[in-house]
Amino acid sequence: MASVIFVVLGAAAMLQMQSTYAETTYIVGDSTGWTRPTATLFPNTNFYNDWATNKFFRVGDVLVFNFATGQDDVAQVTETDYRSCTTTNPIRTYNDGPVKFTLKDAGDYYFISTFSDHCSAGQKLHTSVNRDFNSASSLVPTLSLILFVSISLLFLL
């Protein structure tokens, strides 16, 4: 009986370990922050999307848009408004920097600056958020659970 309780408690602990994920905080643009691209600062109009390319965003992660209040803003917009840099109908606009935006759902997120020509100059960001965060790092707890249950069953038999 004690062996059965041990197996059940061990399996529950392993399942909890597998589903635990600590969110990651990303500083958008790293040390550059959230600012309008210029020819002298960084002439790449895809700067923010290039920044996001090697990131694996997950539900619960936080994007930090660093900008000075009154000198910029960040707006969450639809894909259509993102592509056309339309600033008239944002989902939400954040005027007070810095902004901490939690990625609450899986899917695509689109952000732009609504200041003058900032978006058309490249101050816009598209991120894809993954619901499934079972990456290689979560494979170890899964294999540990299988090994634990297998060994426990051997002792029960």
Protein backbone atom coordinates (compact mmCIF):
# COMPACT_ATOMS: atom_id res chain seq x y z
CA MET A 1 0.00 0.00 0.00
CA ALA A 2 2.83 2.38 0.85
CA SER A 3 4.36 1.64 -2.58
CA VAL A 4 1.14 2.68 -4.33
CA ILE A 5 1.00 5.95 -2.40
CA PHE A 6 4.67 6.57 -3.24
CA VAL A 7 4.00 6.00 -6.95
CA VAL A 8 0.96 8.30 -6.97
CA LEU A 9 2.73 11.10 -5.09
CA GLY A 10 5.83 10.81 -7.26
CA ALA A 11 3.80 10.90 -10.46
CA ALA A 12 1.87 13.97 -9.24
CA ALA A 13 5.12 15.76 -8.41
CA MET A 14 6.57 14.99 -11.85
CA LEU A 15 3.42 16.20 -13.62
CA GLN A 16 3.56 19.46 -11.66
CA MET A 17 7.21 19.89 -12.58
CA GLN A 18 6.39 19.32 -16.26
CA SER A 19 3.66 22.00 -16.35
CA THR A 20 5.62 24.69 -14.49
CA TYR A 21 6.94 27.55 -16.60
CA ALA A 22 8.42 30.81 -15.44
CA GLU A 23 7.64 33.64 -17.83
CA THR A 24 10.42 35.45 -19.61
CA THR A 25 10.62 39.23 -19.71
CA TYR A 26 11.83 40.63 -23.02
CA ILE A 27 13.05 44.21 -23.44
CA VAL A 28 11.79 45.09 -26.93
CA GLY A 29 14.79 46.15 -29.00
CA ASP A 30 17.14 45.27 -26.13
CA SER A 31 19.39 48.27 -25.31
CA THR A 32 17.96 50.30 -28.22
CA GLY A 33 14.51 50.33 -26.61
CA TRP A 34 11.30 51.34 -28.38
CA THR A 35 12.22 54.26 -30.64
CA ARG A 36 11.86 55.48 -34.21
CA PRO A 37 14.50 54.04 -36.54
CA THR A 38 16.69 56.68 -38.16
CA ALA A 39 19.45 56.47 -40.74
CA THR A 40 22.10 57.19 -38.10
CA LEU A 41 20.61 55.22 -35.19
CA PHE A 42 19.71 52.00 -36.97
CA PRO A 43 18.70 52.23 -40.64
CA ASN A 44 17.04 48.80 -40.70
CA THR A 45 13.26 49.29 -41.04
CA ASN A 46 12.81 45.64 -40.00
CA PHE A 47 14.83 46.15 -36.81
CA TYR A 48 12.08 45.12 -34.36
CA ASN A 49 10.93 42.11 -36.36
CA ASP A 50 14.55 41.03 -36.80
CA TRP A 51 14.91 41.36 -33.02
CA ALA A 52 11.90 39.07 -32.49
CA THR A 53 12.97 36.47 -35.07
CA ASN A 54 15.11 34.36 -32.76
CA LYS A 55 12.75 34.61 -29.78
CA PHE A 56 10.28 31.89 -28.74
CA PHE A 57 7.42 33.81 -27.15
CA ARG A 58 5.07 31.88 -24.87
CA VAL A 59 1.84 32.60 -23.08
CA GLY A 60 2.76 34.46 -19.89
CA ASP A 61 5.87 36.15 -21.27
CA VAL A 62 6.19 39.92 -20.84
CA LEU A 63 7.24 42.48 -23.44
CA VAL A 64 8.72 45.70 -22.06
CA PHE A 65 8.56 48.70 -24.38
CA ASN A 66 11.08 51.25 -23.08
CA PHE A 67 10.28 54.81 -24.10
CA ALA A 68 9.93 58.19 -22.43
CA THR A 69 6.39 59.33 -21.69
CA GLY A 70 5.37 62.08 -24.09
CA GLN A 71 8.09 61.20 -26.59
CA ASP A 72 6.54 58.00 -27.92
CA ASP A 73 3.82 55.42 -27.36
CA VAL A 74 2.95 51.86 -28.28
CA ALA A 75 -0.36 50.66 -29.69
CA GLN A 76 -1.63 47.13 -30.08
CA VAL A 77 -3.31 46.93 -33.49
CA THR A 78 -4.81 44.45 -35.94
CA GLU A 79 -2.69 42.84 -38.64
CA THR A 80 -4.32 45.07 -41.27
CA ASP A 81 -3.52 48.24 -39.31
CA TYR A 82 0.00 46.95 -38.65
CA ARG A 83 0.70 46.40 -42.35
CA SER A 84 -0.70 49.80 -43.37
CA CYS A 85 0.53 51.69 -40.27
CA THR A 86 -3.02 52.84 -39.58
CA THR A 87 -3.18 54.52 -36.18
CA THR A 88 -6.83 55.58 -36.04
CA ASN A 89 -8.39 52.42 -34.57
CA PRO A 90 -5.94 50.71 -32.20
CA ILE A 91 -7.00 47.86 -29.95
CA ARG A 92 -5.27 49.72 -27.13
CA THR A 93 -2.73 52.54 -26.88
CA TYR A 94 -0.19 52.89 -24.08
CA ASN A 95 1.12 56.43 -23.57
CA ASP A 96 3.09 56.14 -20.34
CA GLY A 97 6.46 54.47 -20.70
CA PRO A 98 7.83 52.03 -20.02
CA VAL A 99 5.02 49.63 -20.90
CA LYS A 100 4.91 46.05 -19.64
CA PHE A 101 2.65 43.97 -21.87
CA THR A 102 1.84 40.38 -20.84
CA LEU A 103 1.23 37.95 -23.70
CA LYS A 104 -1.94 36.34 -22.34
CA ASP A 105 -3.03 34.22 -25.30
CA ALA A 106 -1.44 32.24 -28.09
CA GLY A 107 -1.50 33.85 -31.51
CA ASP A 108 -0.14 36.88 -33.30
CA TYR A 109 0.34 40.28 -31.68
CA TYR A 110 0.95 43.49 -33.61
CA PHE A 111 2.38 46.71 -32.15
CA ILE A 112 3.15 50.09 -33.69
CA SER A 113 4.04 53.59 -32.61
CA THR A 114 1.26 56.06 -33.38
CA PHE A 115 3.65 59.03 -33.44
CA SER A 116 3.90 60.82 -36.81
CA ASP A 117 5.97 58.72 -39.22
CA HIS A 118 7.41 56.32 -36.64
CA CYS A 119 5.56 53.23 -37.91
CA SER A 120 6.36 53.85 -41.56
CA ALA A 121 10.02 54.29 -40.54
CA GLY A 122 9.93 50.79 -39.02
CA GLN A 123 8.83 51.26 -35.42
CA LYS A 124 6.53 48.27 -35.42
CA LEU A 125 6.67 44.75 -34.05
CA HIS A 126 4.94 41.47 -34.87
CA THR A 127 5.24 38.56 -32.43
CA SER A 128 3.84 35.05 -32.58
CA VAL A 129 3.01 33.53 -29.21
CA ASN A 130 3.01 29.78 -28.73
CA ARG A 131 0.58 28.07 -26.39
CA ASP A 132 2.52 24.83 -26.46
CA PHE A 133 5.73 25.37 -24.55
CA ASN A 134 6.75 21.71 -24.52
CA SER A 135 10.20 22.36 -25.87
CA ALA A 136 13.31 20.28 -25.36
CA SER A 137 13.71 21.69 -21.84
CA SER A 138 10.41 20.12 -20.79
CA LEU A 139 11.36 16.76 -22.28
CA VAL A 140 13.57 15.92 -19.28
CA PRO A 141 10.70 15.99 -16.71
CA THR A 142 8.56 13.92 -19.10
CA LEU A 143 11.25 11.27 -19.46
CA SER A 144 11.84 11.39 -15.70
CA LEU A 145 8.16 10.71 -15.10
CA ILE A 146 8.20 7.72 -17.45
CA LEU A 147 11.34 6.33 -15.82
CA PHE A 148 9.97 6.89 -12.30
CA VAL A 149 6.67 5.15 -13.04
CA SER A 150 8.43 2.27 -14.80
CA ILE A 151 10.80 1.62 -11.90
CA SER A 152 7.98 1.96 -9.37
CA LEU A 153 5.89 -0.59 -11.27
CA LEU A 154 8.81 -3.02 -11.24
CA PHE A 155 8.89 -2.85 -7.42
CA LEU A 156 5.13 -3.38 -7.22
CA LEU A 157 5.24 -6.52 -9.37
